[in-house]
């Protein structure tokens, strides 16, 4: 192998990362990658916090239902059903439990509608 070929292999040429032909220094590339990672982590935490908030709303509805406070249970479970951040499973559980609360309040039509919607979504009644 000739000396010029060996020298050519050792030469490092940074890739062009910008459209205007300029190169991006390695430090800035690392900083940009870390900033992106931080933003993605923050977004994931925000989604996780919303899911926990929905679970808390569902649990408070269950507590009201268990305590016999059916009007409060309907309000709390309706908030979970109507919230766009609720998962389909959370919404189905809230519909099922709200149907039970409506039944206890004597509102048969609403109870049937909620229980039918919960069954249509594939939610199974809680056991135990």
N, C-alpha and C. Protein backbone atom coordinates (compact mmCIF):
# COMPACT_ATOMS: atom_id res chain seq x y z
N UNK A 1 0.85 -1.16 0.00
CA UNK A 1 0.00 0.00 0.00
C UNK A 1 0.90 1.23 0.00
N UNK A 2 0.57 2.17 -0.79
CA UNK A 2 1.40 3.37 -0.90
C UNK A 2 1.14 4.31 0.28
N UNK A 3 2.10 5.17 0.51
CA UNK A 3 2.01 6.10 1.63
C UNK A 3 0.86 7.09 1.44
N UNK A 4 0.61 7.52 0.24
CA UNK A 4 -0.47 8.48 0.01
C UNK A 4 -1.84 7.87 0.26
N UNK A 5 -2.00 6.59 -0.06
CA UNK A 5 -3.29 5.94 0.19
C UNK A 5 -3.52 5.79 1.69
N UNK A 6 -2.50 5.44 2.46
CA UNK A 6 -2.63 5.31 3.91
C UNK A 6 -2.96 6.66 4.54
N UNK A 7 -2.33 7.72 4.07
CA UNK A 7 -2.61 9.05 4.59
C UNK A 7 -4.05 9.46 4.29
N UNK A 8 -4.56 9.06 3.15
CA UNK A 8 -5.92 9.41 2.76
C UNK A 8 -6.94 8.75 3.69
N UNK A 9 -6.68 7.53 4.13
CA UNK A 9 -7.62 6.83 5.01
C UNK A 9 -7.72 7.49 6.38
N UNK A 10 -6.64 8.05 6.84
CA UNK A 10 -6.63 8.65 8.17
C UNK A 10 -7.26 10.04 8.19
N UNK A 11 -7.48 10.61 7.06
CA UNK A 11 -8.04 11.95 6.99
C UNK A 11 -9.52 11.90 7.36
N UNK A 12 -9.94 12.76 8.26
CA UNK A 12 -11.34 12.81 8.67
C UNK A 12 -12.01 13.99 7.99
N UNK A 13 -13.09 13.71 7.32
CA UNK A 13 -13.86 14.77 6.68
C UNK A 13 -15.26 14.77 7.32
N UNK A 14 -15.63 15.83 8.01
CA UNK A 14 -16.97 15.87 8.60
C UNK A 14 -18.04 15.93 7.51
N UNK A 15 -19.13 15.31 7.80
CA UNK A 15 -20.25 15.35 6.85
C UNK A 15 -20.89 16.72 6.89
N UNK A 16 -21.44 17.08 5.78
CA UNK A 16 -22.15 18.36 5.72
C UNK A 16 -23.57 18.14 6.24
N UNK A 17 -23.91 18.86 7.30
CA UNK A 17 -25.20 18.66 7.95
C UNK A 17 -26.21 19.75 7.65
N UNK A 18 -25.76 20.85 7.11
CA UNK A 18 -26.68 21.94 6.80
C UNK A 18 -26.82 22.06 5.29
N UNK A 19 -27.93 22.59 4.85
CA UNK A 19 -28.19 22.69 3.41
C UNK A 19 -27.30 23.71 2.72
N UNK A 20 -26.82 24.69 3.47
CA UNK A 20 -26.02 25.72 2.82
C UNK A 20 -24.55 25.32 2.69
N UNK A 21 -24.20 24.10 3.02
CA UNK A 21 -22.84 23.61 2.82
C UNK A 21 -21.95 23.77 4.03
N UNK A 22 -22.43 24.42 5.08
CA UNK A 22 -21.60 24.56 6.28
C UNK A 22 -21.62 23.26 7.07
N UNK A 23 -20.59 23.04 7.84
CA UNK A 23 -20.56 21.85 8.68
C UNK A 23 -20.94 22.24 10.10
N UNK A 24 -21.49 21.30 10.83
CA UNK A 24 -21.91 21.53 12.21
C UNK A 24 -20.83 20.97 13.13
N UNK A 25 -20.27 21.77 14.01
CA UNK A 25 -19.26 21.25 14.92
C UNK A 25 -19.83 20.15 15.79
N UNK A 26 -18.97 19.22 16.20
CA UNK A 26 -19.42 18.08 16.99
C UNK A 26 -20.09 18.50 18.29
N UNK A 27 -19.59 19.52 18.93
CA UNK A 27 -20.17 19.98 20.20
C UNK A 27 -21.60 20.44 20.03
N UNK A 28 -21.88 21.13 18.97
CA UNK A 28 -23.25 21.59 18.72
C UNK A 28 -24.16 20.43 18.39
N UNK A 29 -23.64 19.45 17.67
CA UNK A 29 -24.44 18.28 17.33
C UNK A 29 -24.83 17.53 18.60
N UNK A 30 -23.88 17.36 19.50
CA UNK A 30 -24.16 16.69 20.77
C UNK A 30 -25.16 17.51 21.58
N UNK A 31 -25.00 18.82 21.61
CA UNK A 31 -25.93 19.67 22.34
C UNK A 31 -27.34 19.59 21.77
N UNK A 32 -27.44 19.57 20.45
CA UNK A 32 -28.76 19.46 19.81
C UNK A 32 -29.40 18.12 20.12
N UNK A 33 -28.60 17.06 20.12
CA UNK A 33 -29.13 15.72 20.43
C UNK A 33 -29.61 15.66 21.87
N UNK A 34 -28.85 16.23 22.79
CA UNK A 34 -29.26 16.23 24.20
C UNK A 34 -30.51 17.08 24.42
N UNK A 35 -30.62 18.20 23.72
CA UNK A 35 -31.82 19.03 23.84
C UNK A 35 -33.05 18.29 23.33
N UNK A 36 -32.90 17.57 22.22
CA UNK A 36 -34.01 16.79 21.68
C UNK A 36 -34.40 15.68 22.64
N UNK A 37 -33.42 15.01 23.23
CA UNK A 37 -33.70 13.96 24.20
C UNK A 37 -34.43 14.52 25.41
N UNK A 38 -34.02 15.69 25.87
CA UNK A 38 -34.69 16.33 27.00
C UNK A 38 -36.13 16.69 26.68
N UNK A 39 -36.36 17.20 25.48
CA UNK A 39 -37.73 17.56 25.08
C UNK A 39 -38.62 16.33 24.98
N UNK A 40 -38.08 15.24 24.44
CA UNK A 40 -38.87 14.01 24.34
C UNK A 40 -39.18 13.44 25.72
N UNK A 41 -38.23 13.52 26.64
CA UNK A 41 -38.45 13.03 27.99
C UNK A 41 -39.52 13.87 28.69
N UNK A 42 -39.47 15.18 28.52
CA UNK A 42 -40.47 16.06 29.13
C UNK A 42 -41.86 15.77 28.58
N UNK A 43 -41.96 15.52 27.28
CA UNK A 43 -43.25 15.20 26.68
C UNK A 43 -43.78 13.88 27.21
N UNK A 44 -42.91 12.90 27.40
CA UNK A 44 -43.31 11.61 27.93
C UNK A 44 -43.80 11.75 29.37
N UNK A 45 -43.14 12.58 30.16
CA UNK A 45 -43.56 12.80 31.54
C UNK A 45 -44.92 13.49 31.57
N UNK A 46 -45.15 14.45 30.68
CA UNK A 46 -46.44 15.15 30.64
C UNK A 46 -47.57 14.19 30.30
N UNK A 47 -47.34 13.29 29.36
CA UNK A 47 -48.35 12.29 29.01
C UNK A 47 -48.60 11.36 30.18
N UNK A 48 -47.54 10.96 30.87
CA UNK A 48 -47.67 10.09 32.03
C UNK A 48 -48.46 10.77 33.14
N UNK A 49 -48.20 12.07 33.37
CA UNK A 49 -48.93 12.82 34.40
C UNK A 49 -50.41 12.90 34.08
N UNK A 50 -50.76 13.10 32.80
CA UNK A 50 -52.18 13.14 32.42
C UNK A 50 -52.84 11.80 32.66
N UNK A 51 -52.14 10.71 32.37
CA UNK A 51 -52.70 9.38 32.58
C UNK A 51 -52.94 9.13 34.06
N UNK A 52 -52.00 9.58 34.91
CA UNK A 52 -52.18 9.42 36.35
C UNK A 52 -53.34 10.28 36.85
N UNK A 53 -53.51 11.46 36.29
CA UNK A 53 -54.63 12.32 36.68
C UNK A 53 -55.96 11.66 36.32
N UNK A 54 -56.02 11.02 35.16
CA UNK A 54 -57.25 10.33 34.77
C UNK A 54 -57.52 9.15 35.69
N UNK A 55 -56.47 8.42 36.07
CA UNK A 55 -56.65 7.31 37.01
C UNK A 55 -57.16 7.82 38.35
N UNK A 56 -56.66 8.97 38.80
CA UNK A 56 -57.12 9.56 40.06
C UNK A 56 -58.59 9.95 39.96
N UNK A 57 -59.01 10.51 38.82
CA UNK A 57 -60.42 10.85 38.63
C UNK A 57 -61.30 9.62 38.63
N UNK A 58 -60.82 8.55 38.03
CA UNK A 58 -61.56 7.30 38.01
C UNK A 58 -61.68 6.72 39.42
N UNK A 59 -60.59 6.79 40.18
CA UNK A 59 -60.61 6.27 41.55
C UNK A 59 -61.54 7.07 42.45
N UNK A 60 -61.58 8.39 42.26
CA UNK A 60 -62.48 9.20 43.08
C UNK A 60 -63.93 8.90 42.73
N UNK A 61 -64.21 8.62 41.46
CA UNK A 61 -65.56 8.21 41.06
C UNK A 61 -65.95 6.88 41.68
N UNK A 62 -65.02 5.95 41.73
CA UNK A 62 -65.28 4.65 42.36
C UNK A 62 -65.53 4.83 43.85
N UNK A 63 -64.74 5.70 44.50
CA UNK A 63 -64.92 5.95 45.93
C UNK A 63 -66.29 6.55 46.21
N UNK A 64 -66.72 7.49 45.38
CA UNK A 64 -68.05 8.09 45.56
C UNK A 64 -69.15 7.07 45.33
N UNK A 65 -68.97 6.22 44.33
CA UNK A 65 -69.96 5.18 44.04
C UNK A 65 -70.05 4.20 45.20
N UNK A 66 -68.91 3.81 45.75
CA UNK A 66 -68.88 2.87 46.87
C UNK A 66 -69.51 3.48 48.12
N UNK A 67 -69.31 4.79 48.31
CA UNK A 67 -69.85 5.47 49.48
C UNK A 67 -71.34 5.78 49.35
N UNK A 68 -71.91 5.53 48.17
CA UNK A 68 -73.33 5.80 47.96
C UNK A 68 -73.62 7.22 47.52
N UNK A 69 -72.61 7.99 47.20
CA UNK A 69 -72.78 9.36 46.72
C UNK A 69 -72.84 9.32 45.20
N UNK A 70 -74.00 8.94 44.67
CA UNK A 70 -74.13 8.65 43.24
C UNK A 70 -74.06 9.89 42.36
N UNK A 71 -74.59 11.02 42.85
CA UNK A 71 -74.50 12.25 42.06
C UNK A 71 -73.04 12.67 41.85
N UNK A 72 -72.25 12.62 42.91
CA UNK A 72 -70.83 12.96 42.80
C UNK A 72 -70.11 11.96 41.90
N UNK A 73 -70.47 10.69 42.00
CA UNK A 73 -69.85 9.67 41.16
C UNK A 73 -70.13 9.94 39.69
N UNK A 74 -71.37 10.32 39.38
CA UNK A 74 -71.72 10.63 37.99
C UNK A 74 -70.90 11.81 37.48
N UNK A 75 -70.76 12.86 38.29
CA UNK A 75 -69.96 14.02 37.89
C UNK A 75 -68.50 13.64 37.65
N UNK A 76 -67.92 12.90 38.58
CA UNK A 76 -66.50 12.55 38.46
C UNK A 76 -66.25 11.60 37.29
N UNK A 77 -67.12 10.64 37.12
CA UNK A 77 -66.94 9.69 36.02
C UNK A 77 -67.23 10.34 34.67
N UNK A 78 -68.16 11.29 34.65
CA UNK A 78 -68.43 12.03 33.40
C UNK A 78 -67.21 12.84 32.98
N UNK A 79 -66.49 13.39 33.96
CA UNK A 79 -65.28 14.14 33.64
C UNK A 79 -64.24 13.23 32.98
N UNK A 80 -64.14 12.00 33.45
CA UNK A 80 -63.20 11.05 32.84
C UNK A 80 -63.66 10.65 31.44
N UNK A 81 -64.95 10.41 31.27
CA UNK A 81 -65.47 10.02 29.96
C UNK A 81 -65.26 11.13 28.94
N UNK A 82 -65.50 12.37 29.33
CA UNK A 82 -65.45 13.50 28.40
C UNK A 82 -64.05 14.07 28.19
N UNK A 83 -63.08 13.64 28.97
CA UNK A 83 -61.73 14.18 28.83
C UNK A 83 -61.04 13.53 27.64
N UNK A 84 -60.47 14.35 26.76
CA UNK A 84 -59.82 13.83 25.55
C UNK A 84 -58.52 13.09 25.86
N UNK A 85 -57.97 13.26 27.07
CA UNK A 85 -56.73 12.58 27.43
C UNK A 85 -56.97 11.20 28.02
N UNK A 86 -58.24 10.82 28.23
CA UNK A 86 -58.54 9.50 28.76
C UNK A 86 -58.21 8.43 27.73
N UNK A 87 -57.66 7.32 28.22
CA UNK A 87 -57.42 6.20 27.32
C UNK A 87 -58.76 5.52 27.04
N UNK A 88 -58.86 4.73 25.98
CA UNK A 88 -60.12 4.02 25.72
C UNK A 88 -60.52 3.11 26.88
N UNK A 89 -59.56 2.49 27.52
CA UNK A 89 -59.86 1.63 28.66
C UNK A 89 -60.42 2.40 29.83
N UNK A 90 -59.84 3.57 30.11
CA UNK A 90 -60.33 4.41 31.20
C UNK A 90 -61.74 4.90 30.91
N UNK A 91 -61.98 5.32 29.68
CA UNK A 91 -63.31 5.80 29.31
C UNK A 91 -64.34 4.69 29.41
N UNK A 92 -63.97 3.48 29.00
CA UNK A 92 -64.91 2.35 29.07
C UNK A 92 -65.23 2.00 30.52
N UNK A 93 -64.22 2.00 31.39
CA UNK A 93 -64.46 1.73 32.82
C UNK A 93 -65.36 2.81 33.42
N UNK A 94 -65.08 4.07 33.06
CA UNK A 94 -65.89 5.16 33.59
C UNK A 94 -67.33 5.05 33.10
N UNK A 95 -67.53 4.66 31.84
CA UNK A 95 -68.90 4.47 31.32
C UNK A 95 -69.62 3.37 32.08
N UNK A 96 -68.93 2.27 32.32
CA UNK A 96 -69.53 1.14 33.04
C UNK A 96 -69.94 1.57 34.45
N UNK A 97 -69.02 2.23 35.15
CA UNK A 97 -69.31 2.63 36.52
C UNK A 97 -70.36 3.74 36.58
N UNK A 98 -70.35 4.63 35.60
CA UNK A 98 -71.37 5.68 35.54
C UNK A 98 -72.74 5.06 35.27
N UNK A 99 -72.77 4.01 34.46
CA UNK A 99 -74.03 3.29 34.23
C UNK A 99 -74.59 2.71 35.51
N UNK A 100 -73.71 2.18 36.35
CA UNK A 100 -74.15 1.65 37.64
C UNK A 100 -74.69 2.78 38.52
N UNK A 101 -74.00 3.92 38.52
CA UNK A 101 -74.46 5.06 39.32
C UNK A 101 -75.82 5.55 38.82
N UNK A 102 -76.00 5.63 37.51
CA UNK A 102 -77.30 6.03 36.96
C UNK A 102 -78.39 5.03 37.38
N UNK A 103 -78.07 3.76 37.38
CA UNK A 103 -79.04 2.73 37.79
C UNK A 103 -79.45 2.93 39.24
N UNK A 104 -78.47 3.24 40.08
CA UNK A 104 -78.76 3.47 41.51
C UNK A 104 -79.60 4.74 41.70
N UNK A 105 -79.46 5.71 40.78
CA UNK A 105 -80.26 6.93 40.85
C UNK A 105 -81.64 6.76 40.23
N UNK A 106 -81.90 5.61 39.62
CA UNK A 106 -83.19 5.35 39.00
C UNK A 106 -83.31 5.90 37.59
N UNK A 107 -82.21 6.26 36.97
CA UNK A 107 -82.22 6.79 35.61
C UNK A 107 -81.88 5.65 34.65
N UNK A 108 -82.91 4.83 34.39
CA UNK A 108 -82.71 3.59 33.62
C UNK A 108 -82.19 3.83 32.20
N UNK A 109 -82.74 4.82 31.51
CA UNK A 109 -82.32 5.08 30.13
C UNK A 109 -80.84 5.43 30.03
N UNK A 110 -80.40 6.30 30.91
CA UNK A 110 -78.97 6.67 30.90
C UNK A 110 -78.10 5.49 31.30
N UNK A 111 -78.59 4.70 32.26
CA UNK A 111 -77.82 3.53 32.69
C UNK A 111 -77.64 2.55 31.54
N UNK A 112 -78.72 2.29 30.81
CA UNK A 112 -78.64 1.35 29.68
C UNK A 112 -77.71 1.89 28.60
N UNK A 113 -77.78 3.20 28.34
CA UNK A 113 -76.91 3.79 27.31
C UNK A 113 -75.44 3.66 27.69
N UNK A 114 -75.10 3.96 28.94
CA UNK A 114 -73.70 3.88 29.36
C UNK A 114 -73.21 2.44 29.42
N UNK A 115 -74.03 1.55 29.95
CA UNK A 115 -73.61 0.14 30.03
C UNK A 115 -73.47 -0.46 28.64
N UNK A 116 -74.36 -0.08 27.72
CA UNK A 116 -74.25 -0.56 26.35
C UNK A 116 -73.00 -0.04 25.66
N UNK A 117 -72.68 1.24 25.90
CA UNK A 117 -71.46 1.82 25.31
C UNK A 117 -70.22 1.16 25.88
N UNK A 118 -70.24 0.86 27.18
CA UNK A 118 -69.08 0.19 27.80
C UNK A 118 -68.91 -1.21 27.24
N UNK A 119 -70.02 -1.93 27.08
CA UNK A 119 -69.95 -3.29 26.51
C UNK A 119 -69.50 -3.25 25.06
N UNK A 120 -69.96 -2.25 24.32
CA UNK A 120 -69.57 -2.11 22.92
C UNK A 120 -68.10 -1.80 22.74
N UNK A 121 -67.48 -1.20 23.76
CA UNK A 121 -66.06 -0.87 23.66
C UNK A 121 -65.17 -2.04 24.06
N UNK A 122 -65.77 -3.12 24.54
CA UNK A 122 -64.99 -4.30 24.89
C UNK A 122 -64.54 -4.34 26.34
N UNK A 123 -65.03 -3.42 27.16
CA UNK A 123 -64.64 -3.41 28.57
C UNK A 123 -65.37 -4.52 29.31
N UNK A 124 -64.65 -5.21 30.14
CA UNK A 124 -65.27 -6.25 30.97
C UNK A 124 -65.51 -5.69 32.36
N UNK A 125 -66.61 -6.11 33.00
CA UNK A 125 -66.89 -5.62 34.35
C UNK A 125 -65.77 -6.01 35.31
N UNK A 126 -65.45 -5.13 36.26
CA UNK A 126 -64.42 -5.47 37.24
C UNK A 126 -64.86 -6.65 38.08
N UNK A 127 -63.93 -7.49 38.47
CA UNK A 127 -64.25 -8.64 39.31
C UNK A 127 -63.73 -8.39 40.70
N UNK A 128 -64.38 -9.02 41.66
CA UNK A 128 -63.88 -8.93 43.03
C UNK A 128 -64.53 -7.95 43.86
